[in-house]
Amino acid sequence: MSETDQAFHKSVKPDWTSDGTLVYAIAGNAPVLQDGVLVNYKKSVVSESKDVRFARFIPAADVSMVCTTVEKHADII
């Protein structure tokens, strides 16, 4: 196996847990996800080379309004 392939297999890959949490590794100086639909919700696990972070989807307040608007105008398309 090539050196690149070995590095890939040893790397931390993002993964979803059974409760809907995204677990991912990122450089420690990367900004924390605070705005948007995906936000960090627990403290990071800090290591020497990367931080392991935990994020969850936050439903947007206006999602149902957008769906309703699209449905109303579907006959235009």
PDB file of N, CA and C in Angstrom:
ATOM      1  N   MET A   1       0.854  -1.173   0.000  1.00  0.00           N
ATOM      2  CA  MET A   1       0.000   0.000   0.000  1.00  0.00           C
ATOM      3  C   MET A   1       0.902   1.238   0.000  1.00  0.00           C
ATOM      4  N   SER A   2       0.520   2.212  -0.800  1.00  0.00           N
ATOM      5  CA  SER A   2       1.346   3.415  -0.900  1.00  0.00           C
ATOM      6  C   SER A   2       1.283   4.232   0.393  1.00  0.00           C
ATOM      7  N   GLU A   3       2.233   5.139   0.541  1.00  0.00           N
ATOM      8  CA  GLU A   3       2.301   5.997   1.722  1.00  0.00           C
ATOM      9  C   GLU A   3       1.047   6.882   1.838  1.00  0.00           C
ATOM     10  N   THR A   4       0.555   7.351   0.712  1.00  0.00           N
ATOM     11  CA  THR A   4      -0.652   8.178   0.694  1.00  0.00           C
ATOM     12  C   THR A   4      -1.863   7.375   1.162  1.00  0.00           C
ATOM     13  N   ASP A   5      -1.986   6.148   0.673  1.00  0.00           N
ATOM     14  CA  ASP A   5      -3.093   5.287   1.094  1.00  0.00           C
ATOM     15  C   ASP A   5      -3.015   4.972   2.585  1.00  0.00           C
ATOM     16  N   GLN A   6      -1.830   4.721   3.088  1.00  0.00           N
ATOM     17  CA  GLN A   6      -1.658   4.442   4.514  1.00  0.00           C
ATOM     18  C   GLN A   6      -2.071   5.653   5.355  1.00  0.00           C
ATOM     19  N   ALA A   7      -1.679   6.847   4.923  1.00  0.00           N
ATOM     20  CA  ALA A   7      -2.036   8.067   5.647  1.00  0.00           C
ATOM     21  C   ALA A   7      -3.552   8.248   5.667  1.00  0.00           C
ATOM     22  N   PHE A   8      -4.214   7.965   4.545  1.00  0.00           N
ATOM     23  CA  PHE A   8      -5.672   8.073   4.487  1.00  0.00           C
ATOM     24  C   PHE A   8      -6.337   7.119   5.475  1.00  0.00           C
ATOM     25  N   HIS A   9      -5.893   5.878   5.494  1.00  0.00           N
ATOM     26  CA  HIS A   9      -6.508   4.880   6.367  1.00  0.00           C
ATOM     27  C   HIS A   9      -6.259   5.163   7.840  1.00  0.00           C
ATOM     28  N   LYS A  10      -5.192   5.863   8.163  1.00  0.00           N
ATOM     29  CA  LYS A  10      -4.885   6.205   9.551  1.00  0.00           C
ATOM     30  C   LYS A  10      -5.539   7.518   9.983  1.00  0.00           C
ATOM     31  N   SER A  11      -6.072   8.286   9.049  1.00  0.00           N
ATOM     32  CA  SER A  11      -6.648   9.589   9.376  1.00  0.00           C
ATOM     33  C   SER A  11      -8.019   9.446  10.049  1.00  0.00           C
ATOM     34  N   VAL A  12      -8.405  10.507  10.751  1.00  0.00           N
ATOM     35  CA  VAL A  12      -9.724  10.544  11.386  1.00  0.00           C
ATOM     36  C   VAL A  12     -10.713  11.050  10.347  1.00  0.00           C
ATOM     37  N   LYS A  13     -11.719  10.250  10.058  1.00  0.00           N
ATOM     38  CA  LYS A  13     -12.719  10.615   9.055  1.00  0.00           C
ATOM     39  C   LYS A  13     -14.001  11.058   9.755  1.00  0.00           C
ATOM     40  N   PRO A  14     -14.722  12.018   9.183  1.00  0.00           N
ATOM     41  CA  PRO A  14     -15.988  12.432   9.797  1.00  0.00           C
ATOM     42  C   PRO A  14     -16.960  11.262   9.839  1.00  0.00           C
ATOM     43  N   ASP A  15     -17.764  11.243  10.892  1.00  0.00           N
ATOM     44  CA  ASP A  15     -18.709  10.139  11.037  1.00  0.00           C
ATOM     45  C   ASP A  15     -19.930  10.633  11.817  1.00  0.00           C
ATOM     46  N   TRP A  16     -21.099  10.072  11.512  1.00  0.00           N
ATOM     47  CA  TRP A  16     -22.333  10.383  12.225  1.00  0.00           C
ATOM     48  C   TRP A  16     -22.554   9.341  13.304  1.00  0.00           C
ATOM     49  N   THR A  17     -22.942   9.775  14.497  1.00  0.00           N
ATOM     50  CA  THR A  17     -23.267   8.846  15.575  1.00  0.00           C
ATOM     51  C   THR A  17     -24.746   8.492  15.496  1.00  0.00           C
ATOM     52  N   SER A  18     -25.178   7.559  16.326  1.00  0.00           N
ATOM     53  CA  SER A  18     -26.574   7.117  16.305  1.00  0.00           C
ATOM     54  C   SER A  18     -27.547   8.202  16.759  1.00  0.00           C
ATOM     55  N   ASP A  19     -27.075   9.204  17.505  1.00  0.00           N
ATOM     56  CA  ASP A  19     -27.977  10.271  17.951  1.00  0.00           C
ATOM     57  C   ASP A  19     -27.932  11.509  17.049  1.00  0.00           C
ATOM     58  N   GLY A  20     -27.302  11.391  15.864  1.00  0.00           N
ATOM     59  CA  GLY A  20     -27.288  12.494  14.908  1.00  0.00           C
ATOM     60  C   GLY A  20     -26.164  13.487  15.093  1.00  0.00           C
ATOM     61  N   THR A  21     -25.134  13.134  15.836  1.00  0.00           N
ATOM     62  CA  THR A  21     -23.986  14.004  16.058  1.00  0.00           C
ATOM     63  C   THR A  21     -22.926  13.726  14.999  1.00  0.00           C
ATOM     64  N   LEU A  22     -22.380  14.780  14.429  1.00  0.00           N
ATOM     65  CA  LEU A  22     -21.264  14.654  13.495  1.00  0.00           C
ATOM     66  C   LEU A  22     -19.976  14.780  14.292  1.00  0.00           C
ATOM     67  N   VAL A  23     -19.114  13.785  14.201  1.00  0.00           N
ATOM     68  CA  VAL A  23     -17.811  13.801  14.867  1.00  0.00           C
ATOM     69  C   VAL A  23     -16.770  13.972  13.782  1.00  0.00           C
ATOM     70  N   TYR A  24     -15.925  15.003  13.924  1.00  0.00           N
ATOM     71  CA  TYR A  24     -14.920  15.262  12.902  1.00  0.00           C
ATOM     72  C   TYR A  24     -13.656  15.841  13.530  1.00  0.00           C
ATOM     73  N   ALA A  25     -12.537  15.684  12.843  1.00  0.00           N
ATOM     74  CA  ALA A  25     -11.252  16.222  13.292  1.00  0.00           C
ATOM     75  C   ALA A  25     -10.884  17.396  12.403  1.00  0.00           C
ATOM     76  N   ILE A  26     -10.314  18.422  13.014  1.00  0.00           N
ATOM     77  CA  ILE A  26      -9.971  19.636  12.276  1.00  0.00           C
ATOM     78  C   ILE A  26      -8.820  20.330  12.991  1.00  0.00           C
ATOM     79  N   ALA A  27      -8.103  21.170  12.285  1.00  0.00           N
ATOM     80  CA  ALA A  27      -7.010  21.923  12.908  1.00  0.00           C
ATOM     81  C   ALA A  27      -7.553  22.749  14.066  1.00  0.00           C
ATOM     82  N   GLY A  28      -6.789  22.840  15.136  1.00  0.00           N
ATOM     83  CA  GLY A  28      -7.225  23.538  16.336  1.00  0.00           C
ATOM     84  C   GLY A  28      -7.539  25.009  16.141  1.00  0.00           C
ATOM     85  N   ASN A  29      -6.915  25.636  15.156  1.00  0.00           N
ATOM     86  CA  ASN A  29      -7.146  27.064  14.935  1.00  0.00           C
ATOM     87  C   ASN A  29      -8.315  27.341  13.987  1.00  0.00           C
ATOM     88  N   ALA A  30      -9.011  26.304  13.540  1.00  0.00           N
ATOM     89  CA  ALA A  30     -10.178  26.486  12.661  1.00  0.00           C
ATOM     90  C   ALA A  30     -11.322  27.091  13.468  1.00  0.00           C
ATOM     91  N   PRO A  31     -12.119  27.950  12.845  1.00  0.00           N
ATOM     92  CA  PRO A  31     -13.232  28.558  13.579  1.00  0.00           C
ATOM     93  C   PRO A  31     -14.266  27.523  14.009  1.00  0.00           C
ATOM     94  N   VAL A  32     -14.903  27.809  15.129  1.00  0.00           N
ATOM     95  CA  VAL A  32     -15.958  26.947  15.646  1.00  0.00           C
ATOM     96  C   VAL A  32     -17.246  27.247  14.882  1.00  0.00           C
ATOM     97  N   LEU A  33     -18.008  26.212  14.565  1.00  0.00           N
ATOM     98  CA  LEU A  33     -19.283  26.403  13.868  1.00  0.00           C
ATOM     99  C   LEU A  33     -20.305  26.948  14.860  1.00  0.00           C
ATOM    100  N   GLN A  34     -20.727  28.208  14.647  1.00  0.00           N
ATOM    101  CA  GLN A  34     -21.674  28.835  15.564  1.00  0.00           C
ATOM    102  C   GLN A  34     -22.944  29.286  14.866  1.00  0.00           C
ATOM    103  N   ASP A  35     -22.842  29.664  13.606  1.00  0.00           N
ATOM    104  CA  ASP A  35     -23.992  30.148  12.857  1.00  0.00           C
ATOM    105  C   ASP A  35     -24.320  29.153  11.757  1.00  0.00           C
ATOM    106  N   GLY A  36     -25.570  29.101  11.387  1.00  0.00           N
ATOM    107  CA  GLY A  36     -25.978  28.212  10.322  1.00  0.00           C
ATOM    108  C   GLY A  36     -26.742  27.026  10.856  1.00  0.00           C
ATOM    109  N   VAL A  37     -26.920  26.037  10.020  1.00  0.00           N
ATOM    110  CA  VAL A  37     -27.705  24.872  10.415  1.00  0.00           C
ATOM    111  C   VAL A  37     -26.869  23.778  11.064  1.00  0.00           C
ATOM    112  N   LEU A  38     -25.553  23.839  10.949  1.00  0.00           N
ATOM    113  CA  LEU A  38     -24.659  22.876  11.589  1.00  0.00           C
ATOM    114  C   LEU A  38     -23.799  23.632  12.589  1.00  0.00           C
ATOM    115  N   VAL A  39     -23.953  23.330  13.887  1.00  0.00           N
ATOM    116  CA  VAL A  39     -23.225  24.057  14.924  1.00  0.00           C
ATOM    117  C   VAL A  39     -22.559  23.082  15.885  1.00  0.00           C
ATOM    118  N   ASN A  40     -21.426  23.509  16.446  1.00  0.00           N
ATOM    119  CA  ASN A  40     -20.765  22.723  17.480  1.00  0.00           C
ATOM    120  C   ASN A  40     -21.588  22.815  18.759  1.00  0.00           C
ATOM    121  N   TYR A  41     -21.727  21.691  19.452  1.00  0.00           N
ATOM    122  CA  TYR A  41     -22.558  21.731  20.646  1.00  0.00           C
ATOM    123  C   TYR A  41     -21.904  21.134  21.881  1.00  0.00           C
ATOM    124  N   LYS A  42     -20.711  20.631  21.784  1.00  0.00           N
ATOM    125  CA  LYS A  42     -19.956  20.135  22.936  1.00  0.00           C
ATOM    126  C   LYS A  42     -18.544  20.697  22.856  1.00  0.00           C
ATOM    127  N   LYS A  43     -17.813  20.589  23.948  1.00  0.00           N
ATOM    128  CA  LYS A  43     -16.417  21.018  23.939  1.00  0.00           C
ATOM    129  C   LYS A  43     -15.600  20.068  23.070  1.00  0.00           C
ATOM    130  N   SER A  44     -14.565  20.620  22.437  1.00  0.00           N
ATOM    131  CA  SER A  44     -13.680  19.819  21.586  1.00  0.00           C
ATOM    132  C   SER A  44     -12.751  18.970  22.430  1.00  0.00           C
ATOM    133  N   VAL A  45     -12.322  17.861  21.855  1.00  0.00           N
ATOM    134  CA  VAL A  45     -11.251  17.062  22.439  1.00  0.00           C
ATOM    135  C   VAL A  45      -9.983  17.534  21.745  1.00  0.00           C
ATOM    136  N   VAL A  46      -9.075  18.118  22.505  1.00  0.00           N
ATOM    137  CA  VAL A  46      -7.885  18.753  21.943  1.00  0.00           C
ATOM    138  C   VAL A  46      -6.724  17.773  21.958  1.00  0.00           C
ATOM    139  N   SER A  47      -6.042  17.671  20.806  1.00  0.00           N
ATOM    140  CA  SER A  47      -4.840  16.846  20.731  1.00  0.00           C
ATOM    141  C   SER A  47      -3.704  17.700  20.175  1.00  0.00           C
ATOM    142  N   GLU A  48      -2.570  17.106  20.035  1.00  0.00           N
ATOM    143  CA  GLU A  48      -1.402  17.858  19.578  1.00  0.00           C
ATOM    144  C   GLU A  48      -1.532  18.331  18.140  1.00  0.00           C
ATOM    145  N   SER A  49      -2.120  17.512  17.282  1.00  0.00           N
ATOM    146  CA  SER A  49      -2.174  17.881  15.867  1.00  0.00           C
ATOM    147  C   SER A  49      -3.551  18.341  15.399  1.00  0.00           C
ATOM    148  N   LYS A  50      -4.618  17.826  15.994  1.00  0.00           N
ATOM    149  CA  LYS A  50      -5.978  18.177  15.563  1.00  0.00           C
ATOM    150  C   LYS A  50      -6.910  18.195  16.761  1.00  0.00           C
ATOM    151  N   ASP A  51      -8.037  18.864  16.590  1.00  0.00           N
ATOM    152  CA  ASP A  51      -9.115  18.821  17.581  1.00  0.00           C
ATOM    153  C   ASP A  51     -10.206  17.910  17.047  1.00  0.00           C
ATOM    154  N   VAL A  52     -10.830  17.150  17.921  1.00  0.00           N
ATOM    155  CA  VAL A  52     -11.996  16.371  17.557  1.00  0.00           C
ATOM    156  C   VAL A  52     -13.199  17.168  18.030  1.00  0.00           C
ATOM    157  N   ARG A  53     -14.112  17.473  17.106  1.00  0.00           N
ATOM    158  CA  ARG A  53     -15.262  18.321  17.419  1.00  0.00           C
ATOM    159  C   ARG A  53     -16.558  17.565  17.179  1.00  0.00           C
ATOM    160  N   PHE A  54     -17.617  18.067  17.808  1.00  0.00           N
ATOM    161  CA  PHE A  54     -18.935  17.451  17.750  1.00  0.00           C
ATOM    162  C   PHE A  54     -19.933  18.513  17.300  1.00  0.00           C
ATOM    163  N   ALA A  55     -20.720  18.191  16.287  1.00  0.00           N
ATOM    164  CA  ALA A  55     -21.673  19.165  15.755  1.00  0.00           C
ATOM    165  C   ALA A  55     -23.022  18.500  15.524  1.00  0.00           C
ATOM    166  N   ARG A  56     -24.051  19.343  15.500  1.00  0.00           N
ATOM    167  CA  ARG A  56     -25.413  18.878  15.244  1.00  0.00           C
ATOM    168  C   ARG A  56     -26.117  19.850  14.323  1.00  0.00           C
ATOM    169  N   PHE A  57     -27.120  19.331  13.598  1.00  0.00           N
ATOM    170  CA  PHE A  57     -27.964  20.187  12.775  1.00  0.00           C
ATOM    171  C   PHE A  57     -28.971  20.896  13.664  1.00  0.00           C
ATOM    172  N   ILE A  58     -29.137  22.181  13.427  1.00  0.00           N
ATOM    173  CA  ILE A  58     -30.145  22.983  14.106  1.00  0.00           C
ATOM    174  C   ILE A  58     -31.187  23.351  13.059  1.00  0.00           C
ATOM    175  N   PRO A  59     -32.439  22.963  13.263  1.00  0.00           N
ATOM    176  CA  PRO A  59     -33.449  23.293  12.246  1.00  0.00           C
ATOM    177  C   PRO A  59     -33.644  24.797  12.137  1.00  0.00           C
ATOM    178  N   ALA A  60     -33.723  25.273  10.931  1.00  0.00           N
ATOM    179  CA  ALA A  60     -33.953  26.692  10.693  1.00  0.00           C
ATOM    180  C   ALA A  60     -35.390  27.034  11.075  1.00  0.00           C
ATOM    181  N   ALA A  61     -35.584  28.221  11.601  1.00  0.00           N
ATOM    182  CA  ALA A  61     -36.903  28.641  12.058  1.00  0.00           C
ATOM    183  C   ALA A  61     -37.888  28.785  10.902  1.00  0.00           C
ATOM    184  N   ASP A  62     -37.386  29.101   9.713  1.00  0.00           N
ATOM    185  CA  ASP A  62     -38.275  29.376   8.599  1.00  0.00           C
ATOM    186  C   ASP A  62     -38.360  28.235   7.578  1.00  0.00           C
ATOM    187  N   VAL A  63     -37.966  27.030   7.949  1.00  0.00           N
ATOM    188  CA  VAL A  63     -37.979  25.920   7.009  1.00  0.00           C
ATOM    189  C   VAL A  63     -39.404  25.611   6.543  1.00  0.00           C
ATOM    190  N   SER A  64     -40.359  25.554   7.449  1.00  0.00           N
ATOM    191  CA  SER A  64     -41.728  25.215   7.050  1.00  0.00           C
ATOM    192  C   SER A  64     -42.310  26.291   6.138  1.00  0.00           C
ATOM    193  N   MET A  65     -41.949  27.540   6.360  1.00  0.00           N
ATOM    194  CA  MET A  65     -42.432  28.635   5.525  1.00  0.00           C
ATOM    195  C   MET A  65     -41.896  28.496   4.101  1.00  0.00           C
ATOM    196  N   VAL A  66     -40.632  28.114   3.962  1.00  0.00           N
ATOM    197  CA  VAL A  66     -40.033  27.945   2.640  1.00  0.00           C
ATOM    198  C   VAL A  66     -40.732  26.809   1.898  1.00  0.00           C
ATOM    199  N   CYS A  67     -40.962  25.690   2.565  1.00  0.00           N
ATOM    200  CA  CYS A  67     -41.631  24.553   1.921  1.00  0.00           C
ATOM    201  C   CYS A  67     -43.031  24.933   1.474  1.00  0.00           C
ATOM    202  N   THR A  68     -43.764  25.628   2.308  1.00  0.00           N
ATOM    203  CA  THR A  68     -45.117  26.036   1.975  1.00  0.00           C
ATOM    204  C   THR A  68     -45.126  26.987   0.782  1.00  0.00           C
ATOM    205  N   THR A  69     -44.196  27.908   0.735  1.00  0.00           N
ATOM    206  CA  THR A  69     -44.104  28.861  -0.365  1.00  0.00           C
ATOM    207  C   THR A  69     -43.817  28.143  -1.676  1.00  0.00           C
ATOM    208  N   VAL A  70     -42.902  27.176  -1.658  1.00  0.00           N
ATOM    209  CA  VAL A  70     -42.561  26.429  -2.866  1.00  0.00           C
ATOM    210  C   VAL A  70     -43.770  25.624  -3.337  1.00  0.00           C
ATOM    211  N   GLU A  71     -44.482  24.996  -2.404  1.00  0.00           N
ATOM    212  CA  GLU A  71     -45.650  24.207  -2.775  1.00  0.00           C
ATOM    213  C   GLU A  71     -46.734  25.074  -3.407  1.00  0.00           C
ATOM    214  N   LYS A  72     -46.940  26.273  -2.892  1.00  0.00           N
ATOM    215  CA  LYS A  72     -47.966  27.167  -3.421  1.00  0.00           C
ATOM    216  C   LYS A  72     -47.669  27.591  -4.855  1.00  0.00           C
ATOM    217  N   HIS A  73     -46.371  27.725  -5.171  1.00  0.00           N
ATOM    218  CA  HIS A  73     -45.971  28.208  -6.479  1.00  0.00           C
ATOM    219  C   HIS A  73     -45.544  27.075  -7.421  1.00  0.00           C
ATOM    220  N   ALA A  74     -45.763  25.837  -7.018  1.00  0.00           N
ATOM    221  CA  ALA A  74     -45.355  24.687  -7.835  1.00  0.00           C
ATOM    222  C   ALA A  74     -46.102  24.634  -9.158  1.00  0.00           C
ATOM    223  N   ASP A  75     -47.328  25.164  -9.201  1.00  0.00           N
ATOM    224  CA  ASP A  75     -48.100  25.117 -10.433  1.00  0.00           C
ATOM    225  C   ASP A  75     -47.559  26.069 -11.495  1.00  0.00           C
ATOM    226  N   ILE A  76     -46.668  26.985 -11.089  1.00  0.00           N
ATOM    227  CA  ILE A  76     -46.056  27.933 -12.027  1.00  0.00           C
ATOM    228  C   ILE A  76     -45.011  27.232 -12.882  1.00  0.00           C
ATOM    229  N   ILE A  77     -44.348  26.269 -12.307  1.00  0.00           N
ATOM    230  CA  ILE A  77     -43.213  25.604 -12.969  1.00  0.00           C
ATOM    231  C   ILE A  77     -43.648  24.713 -14.071  1.00  0.00           C
TER     232      ILE A  77
END
